[in-house]
């Protein structure tokens, strides 16, 4: 009987404890400069992306290929970064999205 009471009390004590915080998940941002422009006056292309976006990777490769004919800088904006919550709300279903000098250009693909 005593063992049953002890188990019941211990189970009740566990229920009264505050929930423990979830373990922090270490996540690395994919945001930041991908490459700089050859000239300071060249346009800056912003790629709105997130980790694991294969369409975004394809867009980067296409932009690299046209860089000689259309000079530009390329900057990745990770929409999953906490500071980019507004971009997440806007583009979570649309990446890759590209802006040129801050103005919307295209989404979903680059051809």
PDB file of N, CA and C in Angstrom:
ATOM      1  N   UNK A   1       0.824  -1.177   0.000  1.00  0.00           N
ATOM      2  CA  UNK A   1       0.000   0.000   0.000  1.00  0.00           C
ATOM      3  C   UNK A   1       0.872   1.247   0.000  1.00  0.00           C
ATOM      4  N   UNK A   2       1.911   1.208   0.825  1.00  0.00           N
ATOM      5  CA  UNK A   2       2.792   2.369   0.916  1.00  0.00           C
ATOM      6  C   UNK A   2       3.428   2.685  -0.436  1.00  0.00           C
ATOM      7  N   UNK A   3       3.827   1.674  -1.204  1.00  0.00           N
ATOM      8  CA  UNK A   3       4.437   1.879  -2.514  1.00  0.00           C
ATOM      9  C   UNK A   3       3.439   2.519  -3.465  1.00  0.00           C
ATOM     10  N   UNK A   4       2.191   2.106  -3.407  1.00  0.00           N
ATOM     11  CA  UNK A   4       1.166   2.677  -4.275  1.00  0.00           C
ATOM     12  C   UNK A   4       0.946   4.148  -3.957  1.00  0.00           C
ATOM     13  N   UNK A   5       0.942   4.498  -2.670  1.00  0.00           N
ATOM     14  CA  UNK A   5       0.752   5.889  -2.249  1.00  0.00           C
ATOM     15  C   UNK A   5       1.949   6.725  -2.694  1.00  0.00           C
ATOM     16  N   UNK A   6       3.157   6.203  -2.551  1.00  0.00           N
ATOM     17  CA  UNK A   6       4.365   6.916  -2.948  1.00  0.00           C
ATOM     18  C   UNK A   6       4.350   7.177  -4.441  1.00  0.00           C
ATOM     19  N   UNK A   7       3.997   6.178  -5.243  1.00  0.00           N
ATOM     20  CA  UNK A   7       3.933   6.355  -6.698  1.00  0.00           C
ATOM     21  C   UNK A   7       2.895   7.407  -7.066  1.00  0.00           C
ATOM     22  N   UNK A   8       1.757   7.382  -6.392  1.00  0.00           N
ATOM     23  CA  UNK A   8       0.713   8.360  -6.667  1.00  0.00           C
ATOM     24  C   UNK A   8       1.187   9.762  -6.323  1.00  0.00           C
ATOM     25  N   UNK A   9       1.852   9.919  -5.195  1.00  0.00           N
ATOM     26  CA  UNK A   9       2.361  11.226  -4.792  1.00  0.00           C
ATOM     27  C   UNK A   9       3.427  11.729  -5.758  1.00  0.00           C
ATOM     28  N   UNK A  10       4.323  10.845  -6.172  1.00  0.00           N
ATOM     29  CA  UNK A  10       5.364  11.241  -7.111  1.00  0.00           C
ATOM     30  C   UNK A  10       4.760  11.624  -8.460  1.00  0.00           C
ATOM     31  N   UNK A  11       3.786  10.871  -8.902  1.00  0.00           N
ATOM     32  CA  UNK A  11       3.134  11.196 -10.171  1.00  0.00           C
ATOM     33  C   UNK A  11       2.445  12.546 -10.063  1.00  0.00           C
ATOM     34  N   UNK A  12       1.807  12.814  -8.932  1.00  0.00           N
ATOM     35  CA  UNK A  12       1.156  14.097  -8.722  1.00  0.00           C
ATOM     36  C   UNK A  12       2.159  15.230  -8.663  1.00  0.00           C
ATOM     37  N   UNK A  13       3.323  15.000  -8.075  1.00  0.00           N
ATOM     38  CA  UNK A  13       4.352  16.034  -7.983  1.00  0.00           C
ATOM     39  C   UNK A  13       4.872  16.388  -9.367  1.00  0.00           C
ATOM     40  N   UNK A  14       5.030  15.413 -10.225  1.00  0.00           N
ATOM     41  CA  UNK A  14       5.474  15.681 -11.584  1.00  0.00           C
ATOM     42  C   UNK A  14       4.462  16.543 -12.328  1.00  0.00           C
ATOM     43  N   UNK A  15       3.206  16.311 -12.101  1.00  0.00           N
ATOM     44  CA  UNK A  15       2.176  17.066 -12.794  1.00  0.00           C
ATOM     45  C   UNK A  15       2.170  18.533 -12.368  1.00  0.00           C
ATOM     46  N   UNK A  16       2.638  18.825 -11.161  1.00  0.00           N
ATOM     47  CA  UNK A  16       2.630  20.195 -10.662  1.00  0.00           C
ATOM     48  C   UNK A  16       3.840  21.003 -11.126  1.00  0.00           C
ATOM     49  N   UNK A  17       4.853  20.333 -11.618  1.00  0.00           N
ATOM     50  CA  UNK A  17       6.033  21.048 -12.100  1.00  0.00           C
ATOM     51  C   UNK A  17       5.701  21.854 -13.345  1.00  0.00           C
ATOM     52  N   UNK A  18       6.311  23.021 -13.500  1.00  0.00           N
ATOM     53  CA  UNK A  18       6.078  23.777 -14.737  1.00  0.00           C
ATOM     54  C   UNK A  18       6.693  23.024 -15.909  1.00  0.00           C
ATOM     55  N   UNK A  19       6.096  23.161 -17.083  1.00  0.00           N
ATOM     56  CA  UNK A  19       6.662  22.460 -18.241  1.00  0.00           C
ATOM     57  C   UNK A  19       8.066  22.961 -18.522  1.00  0.00           C
ATOM     58  N   UNK A  20       8.917  22.059 -18.906  1.00  0.00           N
ATOM     59  CA  UNK A  20      10.291  22.447 -19.220  1.00  0.00           C
ATOM     60  C   UNK A  20      10.331  23.077 -20.602  1.00  0.00           C
ATOM     61  N   UNK A  21      11.239  23.999 -20.777  1.00  0.00           N
ATOM     62  CA  UNK A  21      11.394  24.648 -22.080  1.00  0.00           C
ATOM     63  C   UNK A  21      11.899  23.627 -23.081  1.00  0.00           C
ATOM     64  N   UNK A  22      11.431  23.765 -24.308  1.00  0.00           N
ATOM     65  CA  UNK A  22      11.923  22.863 -25.343  1.00  0.00           C
ATOM     66  C   UNK A  22      13.393  23.132 -25.579  1.00  0.00           C
ATOM     67  N   UNK A  23      14.099  22.093 -25.888  1.00  0.00           N
ATOM     68  CA  UNK A  23      15.527  22.240 -26.166  1.00  0.00           C
ATOM     69  C   UNK A  23      15.716  23.166 -27.373  1.00  0.00           C
ATOM     70  N   UNK A  24      16.665  24.054 -27.273  1.00  0.00           N
ATOM     71  CA  UNK A  24      16.932  24.981 -28.368  1.00  0.00           C
ATOM     72  C   UNK A  24      17.456  24.204 -29.574  1.00  0.00           C
ATOM     73  N   UNK A  25      16.918  24.508 -30.720  1.00  0.00           N
ATOM     74  CA  UNK A  25      17.362  23.873 -31.957  1.00  0.00           C
ATOM     75  C   UNK A  25      18.324  24.831 -32.622  1.00  0.00           C
ATOM     76  N   UNK A  26      19.487  24.358 -32.911  1.00  0.00           N
ATOM     77  CA  UNK A  26      20.491  25.198 -33.556  1.00  0.00           C
ATOM     78  C   UNK A  26      20.217  25.235 -35.048  1.00  0.00           C
ATOM     79  N   UNK A  27      19.977  26.443 -35.562  1.00  0.00           N
ATOM     80  CA  UNK A  27      19.667  26.622 -36.968  1.00  0.00           C
ATOM     81  C   UNK A  27      20.578  27.711 -37.511  1.00  0.00           C
ATOM     82  N   UNK A  28      21.086  27.503 -38.685  1.00  0.00           N
ATOM     83  CA  UNK A  28      21.989  28.463 -39.291  1.00  0.00           C
ATOM     84  C   UNK A  28      21.270  29.184 -40.422  1.00  0.00           C
ATOM     85  N   UNK A  29      21.480  30.480 -40.482  1.00  0.00           N
ATOM     86  CA  UNK A  29      20.859  31.298 -41.512  1.00  0.00           C
ATOM     87  C   UNK A  29      21.571  31.098 -42.840  1.00  0.00           C
ATOM     88  N   UNK A  30      20.795  31.142 -43.915  1.00  0.00           N
ATOM     89  CA  UNK A  30      21.374  31.097 -45.255  1.00  0.00           C
ATOM     90  C   UNK A  30      21.411  32.495 -45.863  1.00  0.00           C
ATOM     91  N   UNK A  31      21.089  33.504 -45.046  1.00  0.00           N
ATOM     92  CA  UNK A  31      21.080  34.881 -45.521  1.00  0.00           C
ATOM     93  C   UNK A  31      22.464  35.494 -45.552  1.00  0.00           C
ATOM     94  N   UNK A  32      22.625  36.521 -46.381  1.00  0.00           N
ATOM     95  CA  UNK A  32      23.885  37.240 -46.478  1.00  0.00           C
ATOM     96  C   UNK A  32      24.343  37.351 -47.907  1.00  0.00           C
ATOM     97  N   UNK A  33      25.447  38.055 -48.125  1.00  0.00           N
ATOM     98  CA  UNK A  33      25.946  38.236 -49.498  1.00  0.00           C
ATOM     99  C   UNK A  33      26.354  36.902 -50.121  1.00  0.00           C
ATOM    100  N   UNK A  34      25.981  36.716 -51.378  1.00  0.00           N
ATOM    101  CA  UNK A  34      26.424  35.539 -52.128  1.00  0.00           C
ATOM    102  C   UNK A  34      27.626  35.933 -52.980  1.00  0.00           C
ATOM    103  N   UNK A  35      27.518  37.074 -53.661  1.00  0.00           N
ATOM    104  CA  UNK A  35      28.675  37.666 -54.336  1.00  0.00           C
ATOM    105  C   UNK A  35      28.424  39.155 -54.505  1.00  0.00           C
ATOM    106  N   UNK A  36      29.525  39.897 -54.597  1.00  0.00           N
ATOM    107  CA  UNK A  36      29.474  41.351 -54.741  1.00  0.00           C
ATOM    108  C   UNK A  36      29.464  41.736 -56.209  1.00  0.00           C
ATOM    109  N   UNK A  37      29.058  42.962 -56.455  1.00  0.00           N
ATOM    110  CA  UNK A  37      29.074  43.503 -57.818  1.00  0.00           C
ATOM    111  C   UNK A  37      30.497  43.898 -58.180  1.00  0.00           C
ATOM    112  N   UNK A  38      30.798  43.855 -59.475  1.00  0.00           N
ATOM    113  CA  UNK A  38      32.113  44.282 -59.951  1.00  0.00           C
ATOM    114  C   UNK A  38      32.265  45.786 -59.791  1.00  0.00           C
ATOM    115  N   UNK A  39      31.163  46.495 -59.946  1.00  0.00           N
ATOM    116  CA  UNK A  39      31.154  47.951 -59.854  1.00  0.00           C
ATOM    117  C   UNK A  39      30.155  48.339 -58.772  1.00  0.00           C
ATOM    118  N   UNK A  40      30.472  49.343 -57.989  1.00  0.00           N
ATOM    119  CA  UNK A  40      29.585  49.776 -56.920  1.00  0.00           C
ATOM    120  C   UNK A  40      28.233  50.272 -57.409  1.00  0.00           C
ATOM    121  N   UNK A  41      28.120  50.640 -58.691  1.00  0.00           N
ATOM    122  CA  UNK A  41      26.868  51.147 -59.226  1.00  0.00           C
ATOM    123  C   UNK A  41      25.959  50.075 -59.805  1.00  0.00           C
ATOM    124  N   UNK A  42      26.400  48.820 -59.799  1.00  0.00           N
ATOM    125  CA  UNK A  42      25.581  47.738 -60.343  1.00  0.00           C
ATOM    126  C   UNK A  42      24.387  47.462 -59.430  1.00  0.00           C
ATOM    127  N   UNK A  43      23.283  46.973 -60.005  1.00  0.00           N
ATOM    128  CA  UNK A  43      22.108  46.685 -59.178  1.00  0.00           C
ATOM    129  C   UNK A  43      22.370  45.553 -58.195  1.00  0.00           C
ATOM    130  N   UNK A  44      21.604  45.571 -57.114  1.00  0.00           N
ATOM    131  CA  UNK A  44      21.677  44.516 -56.103  1.00  0.00           C
ATOM    132  C   UNK A  44      20.421  43.669 -56.226  1.00  0.00           C
ATOM    133  N   UNK A  45      20.626  42.381 -56.482  1.00  0.00           N
ATOM    134  CA  UNK A  45      19.521  41.427 -56.563  1.00  0.00           C
ATOM    135  C   UNK A  45      19.412  40.748 -55.207  1.00  0.00           C
ATOM    136  N   UNK A  46      18.209  40.792 -54.627  1.00  0.00           N
ATOM    137  CA  UNK A  46      17.953  40.122 -53.344  1.00  0.00           C
ATOM    138  C   UNK A  46      17.152  38.862 -53.624  1.00  0.00           C
ATOM    139  N   UNK A  47      17.669  37.741 -53.148  1.00  0.00           N
ATOM    140  CA  UNK A  47      17.025  36.444 -53.312  1.00  0.00           C
ATOM    141  C   UNK A  47      16.389  36.058 -51.990  1.00  0.00           C
ATOM    142  N   UNK A  48      15.067  36.016 -51.936  1.00  0.00           N
ATOM    143  CA  UNK A  48      14.347  35.592 -50.737  1.00  0.00           C
ATOM    144  C   UNK A  48      14.274  34.082 -50.771  1.00  0.00           C
ATOM    145  N   UNK A  49      14.832  33.451 -49.739  1.00  0.00           N
ATOM    146  CA  UNK A  49      15.083  32.013 -49.761  1.00  0.00           C
ATOM    147  C   UNK A  49      14.966  31.434 -48.363  1.00  0.00           C
ATOM    148  N   UNK A  50      15.211  30.143 -48.244  1.00  0.00           N
ATOM    149  CA  UNK A  50      15.360  29.459 -46.963  1.00  0.00           C
ATOM    150  C   UNK A  50      16.230  28.236 -47.201  1.00  0.00           C
ATOM    151  N   UNK A  51      16.754  27.670 -46.147  1.00  0.00           N
ATOM    152  CA  UNK A  51      17.611  26.501 -46.265  1.00  0.00           C
ATOM    153  C   UNK A  51      16.900  25.347 -46.951  1.00  0.00           C
ATOM    154  N   UNK A  52      17.590  24.670 -47.856  1.00  0.00           N
ATOM    155  CA  UNK A  52      17.045  23.506 -48.531  1.00  0.00           C
ATOM    156  C   UNK A  52      16.193  23.806 -49.745  1.00  0.00           C
ATOM    157  N   UNK A  53      16.147  25.047 -50.165  1.00  0.00           N
ATOM    158  CA  UNK A  53      15.336  25.429 -51.329  1.00  0.00           C
ATOM    159  C   UNK A  53      16.137  25.140 -52.606  1.00  0.00           C
ATOM    160  N   UNK A  54      15.818  24.060 -53.282  1.00  0.00           N
ATOM    161  CA  UNK A  54      16.565  23.682 -54.484  1.00  0.00           C
ATOM    162  C   UNK A  54      16.259  24.601 -55.659  1.00  0.00           C
ATOM    163  N   UNK A  55      15.039  25.139 -55.726  1.00  0.00           N
ATOM    164  CA  UNK A  55      14.733  26.112 -56.775  1.00  0.00           C
ATOM    165  C   UNK A  55      15.559  27.379 -56.579  1.00  0.00           C
ATOM    166  N   UNK A  56      15.801  27.736 -55.318  1.00  0.00           N
ATOM    167  CA  UNK A  56      16.638  28.901 -55.023  1.00  0.00           C
ATOM    168  C   UNK A  56      18.077  28.647 -55.457  1.00  0.00           C
ATOM    169  N   UNK A  57      18.568  27.439 -55.225  1.00  0.00           N
ATOM    170  CA  UNK A  57      19.918  27.079 -55.658  1.00  0.00           C
ATOM    171  C   UNK A  57      20.036  27.186 -57.176  1.00  0.00           C
ATOM    172  N   UNK A  58      19.000  26.737 -57.887  1.00  0.00           N
ATOM    173  CA  UNK A  58      19.000  26.833 -59.353  1.00  0.00           C
ATOM    174  C   UNK A  58      18.993  28.299 -59.792  1.00  0.00           C
ATOM    175  N   UNK A  59      18.240  29.136 -59.103  1.00  0.00           N
ATOM    176  CA  UNK A  59      18.193  30.566 -59.430  1.00  0.00           C
ATOM    177  C   UNK A  59      19.572  31.206 -59.252  1.00  0.00           C
ATOM    178  N   UNK A  60      20.284  30.828 -58.189  1.00  0.00           N
ATOM    179  CA  UNK A  60      21.631  31.359 -57.957  1.00  0.00           C
ATOM    180  C   UNK A  60      22.548  30.981 -59.113  1.00  0.00           C
ATOM    181  N   UNK A  61      22.478  29.741 -59.565  1.00  0.00           N
ATOM    182  CA  UNK A  61      23.341  29.299 -60.665  1.00  0.00           C
ATOM    183  C   UNK A  61      23.037  30.061 -61.952  1.00  0.00           C
ATOM    184  N   UNK A  62      21.768  30.289 -62.243  1.00  0.00           N
ATOM    185  CA  UNK A  62      21.405  31.051 -63.445  1.00  0.00           C
ATOM    186  C   UNK A  62      21.901  32.487 -63.339  1.00  0.00           C
ATOM    187  N   UNK A  63      21.737  33.085 -62.160  1.00  0.00           N
ATOM    188  CA  UNK A  63      22.214  34.461 -61.971  1.00  0.00           C
ATOM    189  C   UNK A  63      23.732  34.547 -62.097  1.00  0.00           C
ATOM    190  N   UNK A  64      24.439  33.519 -61.626  1.00  0.00           N
ATOM    191  CA  UNK A  64      25.906  33.485 -61.800  1.00  0.00           C
ATOM    192  C   UNK A  64      26.273  33.454 -63.290  1.00  0.00           C
ATOM    193  N   UNK A  65      25.526  32.679 -64.065  1.00  0.00           N
ATOM    194  CA  UNK A  65      25.809  32.547 -65.497  1.00  0.00           C
ATOM    195  C   UNK A  65      25.616  33.861 -66.256  1.00  0.00           C
ATOM    196  N   UNK A  66      24.640  34.661 -65.860  1.00  0.00           N
ATOM    197  CA  UNK A  66      24.362  35.909 -66.584  1.00  0.00           C
ATOM    198  C   UNK A  66      25.111  37.105 -65.999  1.00  0.00           C
ATOM    199  N   UNK A  67      25.866  36.862 -64.980  1.00  0.00           N
ATOM    200  CA  UNK A  67      26.577  37.940 -64.282  1.00  0.00           C
ATOM    201  C   UNK A  67      27.509  38.722 -65.204  1.00  0.00           C
ATOM    202  N   UNK A  68      28.140  38.068 -66.177  1.00  0.00           N
ATOM    203  CA  UNK A  68      29.036  38.750 -67.104  1.00  0.00           C
ATOM    204  C   UNK A  68      28.294  39.690 -68.040  1.00  0.00           C
ATOM    205  N   UNK A  69      27.108  39.278 -68.483  1.00  0.00           N
ATOM    206  CA  UNK A  69      26.306  40.103 -69.396  1.00  0.00           C
ATOM    207  C   UNK A  69      25.469  41.144 -68.665  1.00  0.00           C
ATOM    208  N   UNK A  70      25.065  40.832 -67.455  1.00  0.00           N
ATOM    209  CA  UNK A  70      24.233  41.739 -66.651  1.00  0.00           C
ATOM    210  C   UNK A  70      24.831  41.826 -65.251  1.00  0.00           C
ATOM    211  N   UNK A  71      25.870  42.671 -65.084  1.00  0.00           N
ATOM    212  CA  UNK A  71      26.547  42.743 -63.785  1.00  0.00           C
ATOM    213  C   UNK A  71      25.586  43.112 -62.654  1.00  0.00           C
ATOM    214  N   UNK A  72      25.750  42.444 -61.525  1.00  0.00           N
ATOM    215  CA  UNK A  72      24.902  42.686 -60.356  1.00  0.00           C
ATOM    216  C   UNK A  72      25.548  42.049 -59.136  1.00  0.00           C
ATOM    217  N   UNK A  73      25.096  42.462 -57.981  1.00  0.00           N
ATOM    218  CA  UNK A  73      25.453  41.804 -56.722  1.00  0.00           C
ATOM    219  C   UNK A  73      24.276  40.924 -56.332  1.00  0.00           C
ATOM    220  N   UNK A  74      24.543  39.856 -55.592  1.00  0.00           N
ATOM    221  CA  UNK A  74      23.477  38.952 -55.158  1.00  0.00           C
ATOM    222  C   UNK A  74      23.542  38.783 -53.648  1.00  0.00           C
ATOM    223  N   UNK A  75      22.397  39.032 -53.004  1.00  0.00           N
ATOM    224  CA  UNK A  75      22.287  38.919 -51.547  1.00  0.00           C
ATOM    225  C   UNK A  75      21.120  38.000 -51.236  1.00  0.00           C
ATOM    226  N   UNK A  76      21.348  37.025 -50.356  1.00  0.00           N
ATOM    227  CA  UNK A  76      20.281  36.120 -49.934  1.00  0.00           C
ATOM    228  C   UNK A  76      19.605  36.684 -48.687  1.00  0.00           C
ATOM    229  N   UNK A  77      18.285  36.608 -48.662  1.00  0.00           N
ATOM    230  CA  UNK A  77      17.497  37.010 -47.496  1.00  0.00           C
ATOM    231  C   UNK A  77      16.787  35.754 -47.000  1.00  0.00           C
ATOM    232  N   UNK A  78      17.198  35.258 -45.838  1.00  0.00           N
ATOM    233  CA  UNK A  78      16.610  34.045 -45.271  1.00  0.00           C
ATOM    234  C   UNK A  78      15.278  34.406 -44.617  1.00  0.00           C
ATOM    235  N   UNK A  79      14.177  33.964 -45.223  1.00  0.00           N
ATOM    236  CA  UNK A  79      12.865  34.338 -44.715  1.00  0.00           C
ATOM    237  C   UNK A  79      12.523  33.638 -43.403  1.00  0.00           C
ATOM    238  N   UNK A  80      13.333  32.655 -42.990  1.00  0.00           N
ATOM    239  CA  UNK A  80      13.085  31.959 -41.727  1.00  0.00           C
ATOM    240  C   UNK A  80      13.795  32.617 -40.548  1.00  0.00           C
ATOM    241  N   UNK A  81      14.625  33.625 -40.804  1.00  0.00           N
ATOM    242  CA  UNK A  81      15.270  34.347 -39.706  1.00  0.00           C
ATOM    243  C   UNK A  81      14.211  35.093 -38.907  1.00  0.00           C
ATOM    244  N   UNK A  82      14.314  35.114 -37.585  1.00  0.00           N
ATOM    245  CA  UNK A  82      13.312  35.804 -36.771  1.00  0.00           C
ATOM    246  C   UNK A  82      13.101  37.273 -37.173  1.00  0.00           C
ATOM    247  N   UNK A  83      14.137  37.942 -37.615  1.00  0.00           N
ATOM    248  CA  UNK A  83      14.019  39.348 -38.006  1.00  0.00           C
ATOM    249  C   UNK A  83      13.262  39.519 -39.328  1.00  0.00           C
ATOM    250  N   UNK A  84      13.050  38.431 -40.064  1.00  0.00           N
ATOM    251  CA  UNK A  84      12.402  38.500 -41.375  1.00  0.00           C
ATOM    252  C   UNK A  84      10.995  37.907 -41.361  1.00  0.00           C
ATOM    253  N   UNK A  85      10.323  38.005 -40.232  1.00  0.00           N
ATOM    254  CA  UNK A  85       8.994  37.420 -40.098  1.00  0.00           C
ATOM    255  C   UNK A  85       8.007  37.960 -41.144  1.00  0.00           C
ATOM    256  N   UNK A  86       8.106  39.244 -41.471  1.00  0.00           N
ATOM    257  CA  UNK A  86       7.205  39.828 -42.474  1.00  0.00           C
ATOM    258  C   UNK A  86       7.435  39.199 -43.844  1.00  0.00           C
ATOM    259  N   UNK A  87       8.717  38.926 -44.166  1.00  0.00           N
ATOM    260  CA  UNK A  87       9.009  38.284 -45.457  1.00  0.00           C
ATOM    261  C   UNK A  87       8.505  36.846 -45.458  1.00  0.00           C
ATOM    262  N   UNK A  88       8.616  36.166 -44.310  1.00  0.00           N
ATOM    263  CA  UNK A  88       8.083  34.803 -44.199  1.00  0.00           C
ATOM    264  C   UNK A  88       6.579  34.811 -44.475  1.00  0.00           C
ATOM    265  N   UNK A  89       5.863  35.724 -43.824  1.00  0.00           N
ATOM    266  CA  UNK A  89       4.414  35.801 -44.017  1.00  0.00           C
ATOM    267  C   UNK A  89       4.055  36.067 -45.479  1.00  0.00           C
ATOM    268  N   UNK A  90       4.876  36.829 -46.150  1.00  0.00           N
ATOM    269  CA  UNK A  90       4.577  37.220 -47.530  1.00  0.00           C
ATOM    270  C   UNK A  90       4.994  36.165 -48.563  1.00  0.00           C
ATOM    271  N   UNK A  91       6.156  35.520 -48.341  1.00  0.00           N
ATOM    272  CA  UNK A  91       6.748  34.677 -49.386  1.00  0.00           C
ATOM    273  C   UNK A  91       6.895  33.196 -49.038  1.00  0.00           C
ATOM    274  N   UNK A  92       6.355  32.715 -47.940  1.00  0.00           N
ATOM    275  CA  UNK A  92       6.614  31.333 -47.518  1.00  0.00           C
ATOM    276  C   UNK A  92       6.200  30.288 -48.559  1.00  0.00           C
ATOM    277  N   UNK A  93       5.246  30.619 -49.421  1.00  0.00           N
ATOM    278  CA  UNK A  93       4.808  29.664 -50.442  1.00  0.00           C
ATOM    279  C   UNK A  93       5.320  30.035 -51.837  1.00  0.00           C
ATOM    280  N   UNK A  94       6.160  31.042 -51.944  1.00  0.00           N
ATOM    281  CA  UNK A  94       6.529  31.569 -53.255  1.00  0.00           C
ATOM    282  C   UNK A  94       8.014  31.549 -53.587  1.00  0.00           C
ATOM    283  N   UNK A  95       8.880  31.099 -52.696  1.00  0.00           N
ATOM    284  CA  UNK A  95      10.311  31.190 -52.979  1.00  0.00           C
ATOM    285  C   UNK A  95      10.691  30.276 -54.135  1.00  0.00           C
ATOM    286  N   UNK A  96      11.683  30.671 -54.918  1.00  0.00           N
ATOM    287  CA  UNK A  96      12.498  31.878 -54.787  1.00  0.00           C
ATOM    288  C   UNK A  96      11.751  33.129 -55.275  1.00  0.00           C
ATOM    289  N   UNK A  97      12.011  34.221 -54.581  1.00  0.00           N
ATOM    290  CA  UNK A  97      11.492  35.534 -54.962  1.00  0.00           C
ATOM    291  C   UNK A  97      12.697  36.439 -55.137  1.00  0.00           C
ATOM    292  N   UNK A  98      12.681  37.251 -56.185  1.00  0.00           N
ATOM    293  CA  UNK A  98      13.803  38.146 -56.454  1.00  0.00           C
ATOM    294  C   UNK A  98      13.336  39.602 -56.474  1.00  0.00           C
ATOM    295  N   UNK A  99      14.127  40.453 -55.823  1.00  0.00           N
ATOM    296  CA  UNK A  99      13.946  41.901 -55.881  1.00  0.00           C
ATOM    297  C   UNK A  99      15.207  42.481 -56.508  1.00  0.00           C
ATOM    298  N   UNK A 100      15.058  43.557 -57.250  1.00  0.00           N
ATOM    299  CA  UNK A 100      16.208  44.273 -57.798  1.00  0.00           C
ATOM    300  C   UNK A 100      16.185  45.674 -57.204  1.00  0.00           C
ATOM    301  N   UNK A 101      17.263  46.013 -56.515  1.00  0.00           N
ATOM    302  CA  UNK A 101      17.364  47.304 -55.820  1.00  0.00           C
ATOM    303  C   UNK A 101      16.125  47.590 -54.981  1.00  0.00           C
ATOM    304  N   UNK A 102      15.622  46.573 -54.296  1.00  0.00           N
ATOM    305  CA  UNK A 102      14.505  46.741 -53.380  1.00  0.00           C
ATOM    306  C   UNK A 102      13.127  46.640 -53.997  1.00  0.00           C
ATOM    307  N   UNK A 103      13.033  46.523 -55.319  1.00  0.00           N
ATOM    308  CA  UNK A 103      11.735  46.429 -55.988  1.00  0.00           C
ATOM    309  C   UNK A 103      11.497  44.987 -56.453  1.00  0.00           C
ATOM    310  N   UNK A 104      10.275  44.510 -56.268  1.00  0.00           N
ATOM    311  CA  UNK A 104       9.916  43.150 -56.694  1.00  0.00           C
ATOM    312  C   UNK A 104      10.222  42.977 -58.188  1.00  0.00           C
ATOM    313  N   UNK A 105      10.790  41.789 -58.527  1.00  0.00           N
ATOM    314  CA  UNK A 105      11.111  41.482 -59.919  1.00  0.00           C
ATOM    315  C   UNK A 105      10.344  40.246 -60.382  1.00  0.00           C
ATOM    316  N   UNK A 106      10.553  39.099 -59.710  1.00  0.00           N
ATOM    317  CA  UNK A 106       9.925  37.858 -60.149  1.00  0.00           C
ATOM    318  C   UNK A 106       9.889  36.864 -58.994  1.00  0.00           C
ATOM    319  N   UNK A 107       9.135  35.768 -59.192  1.00  0.00           N
ATOM    320  CA  UNK A 107       9.102  34.698 -58.186  1.00  0.00           C
ATOM    321  C   UNK A 107       8.980  33.346 -58.876  1.00  0.00           C
ATOM    322  N   UNK A 108       9.256  32.314 -58.117  1.00  0.00           N
ATOM    323  CA  UNK A 108       9.154  30.890 -58.493  1.00  0.00           C
ATOM    324  C   UNK A 108      10.269  30.379 -59.378  1.00  0.00           C
ATOM    325  N   UNK A 109      10.738  31.177 -60.317  1.00  0.00           N
ATOM    326  CA  UNK A 109      11.812  30.674 -61.188  1.00  0.00           C
ATOM    327  C   UNK A 109      12.525  31.834 -61.870  1.00  0.00           C
ATOM    328  N   UNK A 110      13.700  31.525 -62.394  1.00  0.00           N
ATOM    329  CA  UNK A 110      14.483  32.489 -63.170  1.00  0.00           C
ATOM    330  C   UNK A 110      14.840  31.785 -64.466  1.00  0.00           C
ATOM    331  N   UNK A 111      14.508  32.399 -65.592  1.00  0.00           N
ATOM    332  CA  UNK A 111      14.836  31.786 -66.886  1.00  0.00           C
ATOM    333  C   UNK A 111      15.528  32.795 -67.778  1.00  0.00           C
TER     334      UNK A 111
END
